[in-house]
């Protein structure tokens, strides 16, 4: 998953299998500075994002559309 902070008050997660991006703004979480990674990721999970870990590789993150694909059909981005 790409994690990006386009500015000090925004956090973005990107899917490893498609160009889908979800954006979180600090004010959406009721804080004045940058959004909290854990709170933002929990919100994304509630919306259907998933994380997978394969032994020896980085974590992989998938948006709701890609998460619905069977594991064998997802295209892992192993680093």
N, C-alpha and C. Protein backbone atom coordinates (compact mmCIF):
# COMPACT_ATOMS: atom_id res chain seq x y z
N UNK A 1 0.85 -1.16 0.00
CA UNK A 1 0.00 0.00 0.00
C UNK A 1 0.89 1.21 0.00
N UNK A 2 0.53 2.14 -0.80
CA UNK A 2 1.23 3.40 -0.73
C UNK A 2 0.59 4.23 0.37
N UNK A 3 1.43 4.84 1.15
CA UNK A 3 0.96 5.76 2.20
C UNK A 3 1.53 7.11 1.84
N UNK A 4 0.66 8.10 1.74
CA UNK A 4 1.11 9.42 1.32
C UNK A 4 0.53 10.46 2.26
N UNK A 5 1.29 11.50 2.51
CA UNK A 5 0.83 12.66 3.27
C UNK A 5 1.01 13.88 2.36
N UNK A 6 -0.01 14.16 1.52
CA UNK A 6 0.10 15.28 0.59
C UNK A 6 0.32 16.62 1.29
N UNK A 7 -0.17 16.72 2.52
CA UNK A 7 0.09 17.91 3.35
C UNK A 7 0.03 17.48 4.81
N UNK A 8 0.26 18.39 5.70
CA UNK A 8 0.35 18.06 7.12
C UNK A 8 -0.96 17.58 7.73
N UNK A 9 -2.08 17.82 7.03
CA UNK A 9 -3.39 17.50 7.61
C UNK A 9 -4.10 16.38 6.87
N UNK A 10 -3.41 15.68 5.98
CA UNK A 10 -4.04 14.66 5.15
C UNK A 10 -3.20 13.38 5.10
N UNK A 11 -3.90 12.23 5.13
CA UNK A 11 -3.26 10.92 5.02
C UNK A 11 -4.00 10.14 3.95
N UNK A 12 -3.26 9.51 3.03
CA UNK A 12 -3.88 8.73 1.96
C UNK A 12 -3.31 7.32 1.96
N UNK A 13 -4.21 6.32 1.74
CA UNK A 13 -3.82 4.93 1.56
C UNK A 13 -4.14 4.55 0.13
N UNK A 14 -3.24 3.80 -0.51
CA UNK A 14 -3.47 3.33 -1.87
C UNK A 14 -3.47 1.81 -1.92
N UNK A 15 -4.36 1.26 -2.75
CA UNK A 15 -4.47 -0.19 -2.94
C UNK A 15 -3.24 -0.71 -3.68
N UNK A 16 -2.79 -1.92 -3.32
CA UNK A 16 -1.64 -2.53 -3.99
C UNK A 16 -2.00 -3.17 -5.32
N UNK A 17 -3.29 -3.34 -5.62
CA UNK A 17 -3.68 -4.02 -6.85
C UNK A 17 -4.34 -3.12 -7.88
N UNK A 18 -4.75 -1.93 -7.48
CA UNK A 18 -5.42 -1.01 -8.41
C UNK A 18 -5.11 0.43 -7.98
N UNK A 19 -5.56 1.42 -8.73
CA UNK A 19 -5.23 2.80 -8.38
C UNK A 19 -6.14 3.44 -7.30
N UNK A 20 -6.98 2.65 -6.65
CA UNK A 20 -7.90 3.19 -5.63
C UNK A 20 -7.13 3.84 -4.48
N UNK A 21 -7.59 5.00 -4.06
CA UNK A 21 -6.98 5.74 -2.95
C UNK A 21 -8.09 6.18 -2.00
N UNK A 22 -7.84 6.08 -0.71
CA UNK A 22 -8.77 6.59 0.29
C UNK A 22 -8.02 7.69 1.06
N UNK A 23 -8.69 8.80 1.30
CA UNK A 23 -8.08 9.97 1.92
C UNK A 23 -8.73 10.27 3.26
N UNK A 24 -7.91 10.58 4.25
CA UNK A 24 -8.38 10.96 5.57
C UNK A 24 -7.82 12.33 5.90
N UNK A 25 -8.68 13.20 6.38
CA UNK A 25 -8.26 14.54 6.77
C UNK A 25 -8.33 14.65 8.29
N UNK A 26 -7.43 15.41 8.87
CA UNK A 26 -7.36 15.54 10.32
C UNK A 26 -8.69 16.03 10.89
N UNK A 27 -9.32 17.00 10.23
CA UNK A 27 -10.56 17.54 10.77
C UNK A 27 -11.68 16.50 10.79
N UNK A 28 -11.59 15.47 9.92
CA UNK A 28 -12.59 14.40 9.93
C UNK A 28 -12.49 13.56 11.21
N UNK A 29 -11.32 13.55 11.81
CA UNK A 29 -11.10 12.80 13.04
C UNK A 29 -11.23 13.69 14.28
N UNK A 30 -11.54 14.95 14.07
CA UNK A 30 -11.71 15.87 15.18
C UNK A 30 -10.41 16.34 15.81
N UNK A 31 -9.32 16.29 15.03
CA UNK A 31 -8.04 16.78 15.53
C UNK A 31 -7.55 17.91 14.63
N UNK A 32 -6.64 18.71 15.16
CA UNK A 32 -6.16 19.87 14.42
C UNK A 32 -4.90 19.60 13.59
N UNK A 33 -4.17 18.54 13.95
CA UNK A 33 -2.92 18.28 13.22
C UNK A 33 -3.13 17.13 12.24
N UNK A 34 -2.18 16.25 12.09
CA UNK A 34 -2.29 15.18 11.10
C UNK A 34 -3.18 14.05 11.62
N UNK A 35 -3.86 13.34 10.70
CA UNK A 35 -4.70 12.23 11.13
C UNK A 35 -3.87 11.09 11.69
N UNK A 36 -4.43 10.36 12.61
CA UNK A 36 -3.77 9.23 13.26
C UNK A 36 -3.81 8.03 12.32
N UNK A 37 -2.66 7.40 12.07
CA UNK A 37 -2.59 6.26 11.17
C UNK A 37 -3.52 5.14 11.62
N UNK A 38 -3.47 4.78 12.90
CA UNK A 38 -4.26 3.65 13.40
C UNK A 38 -5.75 3.92 13.25
N UNK A 39 -6.20 5.10 13.64
CA UNK A 39 -7.62 5.44 13.53
C UNK A 39 -8.04 5.44 12.06
N UNK A 40 -7.20 5.99 11.19
CA UNK A 40 -7.51 6.03 9.76
C UNK A 40 -7.58 4.63 9.19
N UNK A 41 -6.63 3.76 9.53
CA UNK A 41 -6.64 2.40 9.00
C UNK A 41 -7.84 1.62 9.52
N UNK A 42 -8.21 1.81 10.78
CA UNK A 42 -9.39 1.14 11.32
C UNK A 42 -10.65 1.58 10.58
N UNK A 43 -10.73 2.85 10.23
CA UNK A 43 -11.86 3.36 9.46
C UNK A 43 -11.87 2.73 8.07
N UNK A 44 -10.70 2.64 7.44
CA UNK A 44 -10.61 2.01 6.12
C UNK A 44 -11.03 0.54 6.20
N UNK A 45 -10.61 -0.17 7.24
CA UNK A 45 -11.01 -1.57 7.40
C UNK A 45 -12.52 -1.70 7.55
N UNK A 46 -13.12 -0.79 8.29
CA UNK A 46 -14.57 -0.82 8.46
C UNK A 46 -15.28 -0.61 7.12
N UNK A 47 -14.60 0.06 6.20
CA UNK A 47 -15.16 0.29 4.86
C UNK A 47 -14.82 -0.83 3.89
N UNK A 48 -14.10 -1.88 4.35
CA UNK A 48 -13.83 -3.03 3.51
C UNK A 48 -12.40 -3.22 3.05
N UNK A 49 -11.48 -2.33 3.43
CA UNK A 49 -10.07 -2.52 3.08
C UNK A 49 -9.52 -3.68 3.91
N UNK A 50 -8.58 -4.44 3.32
CA UNK A 50 -7.97 -5.55 4.04
C UNK A 50 -6.45 -5.47 3.94
N UNK A 51 -5.80 -6.18 4.86
CA UNK A 51 -4.34 -6.28 4.85
C UNK A 51 -3.98 -7.76 4.89
N UNK A 52 -2.95 -8.12 4.14
CA UNK A 52 -2.45 -9.50 4.12
C UNK A 52 -0.94 -9.48 4.32
N UNK A 53 -0.45 -10.49 5.01
CA UNK A 53 0.98 -10.62 5.22
C UNK A 53 1.40 -12.01 4.77
N UNK A 54 2.37 -12.07 3.88
CA UNK A 54 2.92 -13.33 3.43
C UNK A 54 4.34 -13.43 3.98
N UNK A 55 4.69 -14.58 4.49
CA UNK A 55 5.99 -14.78 5.12
C UNK A 55 7.11 -14.34 4.17
N UNK A 56 7.98 -13.49 4.67
CA UNK A 56 9.12 -13.04 3.90
C UNK A 56 8.84 -11.82 3.02
N UNK A 57 7.61 -11.30 3.03
CA UNK A 57 7.24 -10.16 2.21
C UNK A 57 6.59 -9.07 3.05
N UNK A 58 6.51 -7.89 2.47
CA UNK A 58 5.84 -6.78 3.14
C UNK A 58 4.34 -7.02 3.22
N UNK A 59 3.70 -6.24 4.07
CA UNK A 59 2.24 -6.26 4.13
C UNK A 59 1.69 -5.78 2.79
N UNK A 60 0.54 -6.33 2.41
CA UNK A 60 -0.16 -5.90 1.20
C UNK A 60 -1.55 -5.43 1.60
N UNK A 61 -2.01 -4.38 0.96
CA UNK A 61 -3.29 -3.77 1.31
C UNK A 61 -4.16 -3.69 0.07
N UNK A 62 -5.46 -4.00 0.26
CA UNK A 62 -6.39 -4.03 -0.86
C UNK A 62 -7.66 -3.25 -0.53
N UNK A 63 -8.13 -2.50 -1.53
CA UNK A 63 -9.38 -1.74 -1.41
C UNK A 63 -10.54 -2.73 -1.37
N UNK A 64 -11.76 -2.27 -1.06
CA UNK A 64 -12.90 -3.19 -0.99
C UNK A 64 -13.14 -3.98 -2.28
N UNK A 65 -12.98 -3.37 -3.44
CA UNK A 65 -13.20 -4.08 -4.70
C UNK A 65 -12.18 -5.19 -4.89
N UNK A 66 -10.92 -4.91 -4.65
CA UNK A 66 -9.87 -5.91 -4.81
C UNK A 66 -9.91 -6.94 -3.68
N UNK A 67 -10.37 -6.55 -2.51
CA UNK A 67 -10.46 -7.48 -1.38
C UNK A 67 -11.47 -8.58 -1.68
N UNK A 68 -12.47 -8.29 -2.51
CA UNK A 68 -13.50 -9.28 -2.83
C UNK A 68 -13.00 -10.35 -3.80
N UNK A 69 -11.88 -10.09 -4.47
CA UNK A 69 -11.30 -11.10 -5.36
C UNK A 69 -10.75 -12.25 -4.52
N UNK A 70 -10.79 -13.43 -5.05
CA UNK A 70 -10.19 -14.57 -4.35
C UNK A 70 -8.70 -14.30 -4.20
N UNK A 71 -8.10 -14.78 -3.13
CA UNK A 71 -6.68 -14.53 -2.88
C UNK A 71 -5.83 -14.94 -4.07
N UNK A 72 -6.19 -16.01 -4.75
CA UNK A 72 -5.39 -16.46 -5.90
C UNK A 72 -5.50 -15.51 -7.08
N UNK A 73 -6.54 -14.66 -7.12
CA UNK A 73 -6.75 -13.74 -8.24
C UNK A 73 -6.14 -12.36 -7.98
N UNK A 74 -5.79 -12.08 -6.72
CA UNK A 74 -5.19 -10.79 -6.43
C UNK A 74 -3.75 -10.81 -6.92
N UNK A 75 -3.26 -9.68 -7.31
CA UNK A 75 -1.89 -9.58 -7.81
C UNK A 75 -1.03 -8.97 -6.72
N UNK A 76 -0.31 -9.79 -5.95
CA UNK A 76 0.51 -9.23 -4.87
C UNK A 76 1.67 -8.41 -5.42
N UNK A 77 2.02 -7.41 -4.68
CA UNK A 77 3.10 -6.51 -5.05
C UNK A 77 4.32 -6.79 -4.20
N UNK A 78 4.68 -8.03 -4.00
CA UNK A 78 5.78 -8.41 -3.12
C UNK A 78 7.01 -7.56 -3.38
N UNK A 79 7.57 -7.02 -2.31
CA UNK A 79 8.80 -6.21 -2.40
C UNK A 79 9.95 -6.98 -1.85
